[in-house]
Amino acid sequence: MGSARAALHPVRVDLMIRRKSITVCGYVVPIRYLNIGTTKYGEYDPNTKSIYLNTNKDAHWNNQVLFHELLHAIFDLTGIGEMLPPKVEHAIITALENHLWPLIKFLS
């Protein structure tokens, strides 16, 4: 679990890096680590263009939750989210997450 390996495979769950921000669609999106209750794992706020990850949940979920929230950010920053009702957007993002996340883990 050396730093060279972490640099080569930043998406691995066991090598979670606590990022402060990530660039999405050319925009630097801050990542905040907060206790946001017991029901949510994370949240993307389109008003502040920030991602919030819940410190009240097991840390091993952080990468997958970050991926899910990044998809929300992509939909927001590209304007796709403006064209969809919130429930439809979330259903599409959840489907993408559920099918792409295992592939990302496999490839890392």
Protein backbone atom coordinates (compact mmCIF):
# COMPACT_ATOMS: atom_id res chain seq x y z
CA MET A 1 0.00 0.00 0.00
CA GLY A 2 2.86 2.36 -0.84
CA SER A 3 2.39 5.87 -2.18
CA ALA A 4 3.51 4.93 -5.71
CA ARG A 5 0.73 2.34 -5.90
CA ALA A 6 -1.80 4.81 -4.50
CA ALA A 7 -0.80 7.32 -7.17
CA LEU A 8 -1.33 4.72 -9.89
CA HIS A 9 -4.67 3.50 -8.52
CA PRO A 10 -6.46 6.41 -6.82
CA VAL A 11 -9.93 4.79 -7.05
CA ARG A 12 -9.15 1.69 -5.00
CA VAL A 13 -11.34 1.54 -1.91
CA ASP A 14 -8.49 0.37 0.32
CA LEU A 15 -6.35 3.30 -0.86
CA MET A 16 -8.87 6.08 -0.22
CA ILE A 17 -7.26 9.48 -0.47
CA ARG A 18 -9.09 12.26 1.32
CA ARG A 19 -9.20 14.73 -1.52
CA LYS A 20 -9.99 18.40 -0.89
CA SER A 21 -11.27 19.02 -4.41
CA ILE A 22 -11.58 17.47 -7.84
CA THR A 23 -11.84 19.02 -11.28
CA VAL A 24 -15.09 18.22 -13.07
CA CYS A 25 -15.85 19.63 -16.51
CA GLY A 26 -13.09 22.21 -16.01
CA TYR A 27 -14.53 23.38 -12.67
CA VAL A 28 -12.81 22.77 -9.33
CA VAL A 29 -15.41 21.11 -7.11
CA PRO A 30 -14.62 21.28 -3.37
CA ILE A 31 -15.06 18.07 -1.37
CA ARG A 32 -16.18 18.58 2.21
CA TYR A 33 -16.19 15.90 4.90
CA LEU A 34 -19.04 16.56 7.34
CA ASN A 35 -21.48 14.76 9.57
CA ILE A 36 -24.62 15.19 7.47
CA GLY A 37 -26.84 12.88 9.51
CA THR A 38 -27.50 9.18 9.47
CA THR A 39 -29.49 8.75 6.25
CA LYS A 40 -27.21 10.22 3.56
CA TYR A 41 -23.80 8.96 2.48
CA GLY A 42 -23.06 12.05 0.46
CA GLU A 43 -24.54 14.96 -1.42
CA TYR A 44 -23.74 17.27 -4.32
CA ASP A 45 -24.95 20.84 -3.85
CA PRO A 46 -25.55 22.52 -7.22
CA ASN A 47 -25.77 25.94 -5.55
CA THR A 48 -22.27 25.81 -4.06
CA LYS A 49 -20.90 23.31 -6.63
CA SER A 50 -19.58 21.26 -3.70
CA ILE A 51 -19.59 17.60 -2.79
CA TYR A 52 -20.25 16.58 0.81
CA LEU A 53 -19.20 13.16 2.11
CA ASN A 54 -20.69 11.97 5.38
CA THR A 55 -18.17 11.33 8.15
CA ASN A 56 -20.95 9.55 10.04
CA LYS A 57 -20.76 6.59 7.62
CA ASP A 58 -18.10 3.91 7.11
CA ALA A 59 -15.13 5.40 5.24
CA HIS A 60 -14.91 2.39 2.90
CA TRP A 61 -17.93 3.81 1.06
CA ASN A 62 -16.26 7.18 0.36
CA ASN A 63 -14.90 6.37 -3.11
CA GLN A 64 -18.18 4.94 -4.38
CA VAL A 65 -20.16 7.79 -2.86
CA LEU A 66 -17.68 10.29 -4.33
CA PHE A 67 -18.17 8.65 -7.76
CA HIS A 68 -21.96 8.92 -7.38
CA GLU A 69 -21.75 12.58 -6.38
CA LEU A 70 -19.31 13.26 -9.25
CA LEU A 71 -21.96 11.99 -11.63
CA HIS A 72 -24.40 14.52 -10.12
CA ALA A 73 -21.76 17.23 -10.60
CA ILE A 74 -21.26 16.21 -14.24
CA PHE A 75 -25.00 16.33 -14.87
CA ASP A 76 -25.19 19.76 -13.22
CA LEU A 77 -22.12 21.31 -14.84
CA THR A 78 -23.00 20.07 -18.33
CA GLY A 79 -26.62 21.22 -18.06
CA ILE A 80 -28.05 17.71 -18.38
CA GLY A 81 -29.56 17.99 -14.90
CA GLU A 82 -31.61 21.01 -16.02
CA MET A 83 -33.38 18.83 -18.59
CA LEU A 84 -34.42 16.08 -16.19
CA PRO A 85 -36.78 15.84 -13.25
CA PRO A 86 -34.74 15.19 -10.05
CA LYS A 87 -36.08 11.62 -9.61
CA VAL A 88 -35.18 10.72 -13.21
CA GLU A 89 -31.70 12.23 -12.84
CA HIS A 90 -31.10 10.28 -9.65
CA ALA A 91 -32.36 7.04 -11.22
CA ILE A 92 -29.98 7.46 -14.18
CA ILE A 93 -27.05 8.31 -11.92
CA THR A 94 -27.75 5.35 -9.64
CA ALA A 95 -27.93 3.02 -12.65
CA LEU A 96 -24.62 4.39 -13.99
CA GLU A 97 -23.00 4.05 -10.57
CA ASN A 98 -24.22 0.49 -10.05
CA HIS A 99 -22.92 -0.65 -13.43
CA LEU A 100 -19.76 1.45 -13.80
CA TRP A 101 -18.41 1.29 -10.22
CA PRO A 102 -17.72 -2.48 -10.33
CA LEU A 103 -15.90 -1.96 -13.65
CA ILE A 104 -13.80 0.86 -12.19
CA LYS A 105 -12.88 -1.32 -9.22
CA PHE A 106 -12.04 -4.20 -11.55
CA LEU A 107 -9.82 -2.01 -13.75
CA SER A 108 -7.97 -0.56 -10.77
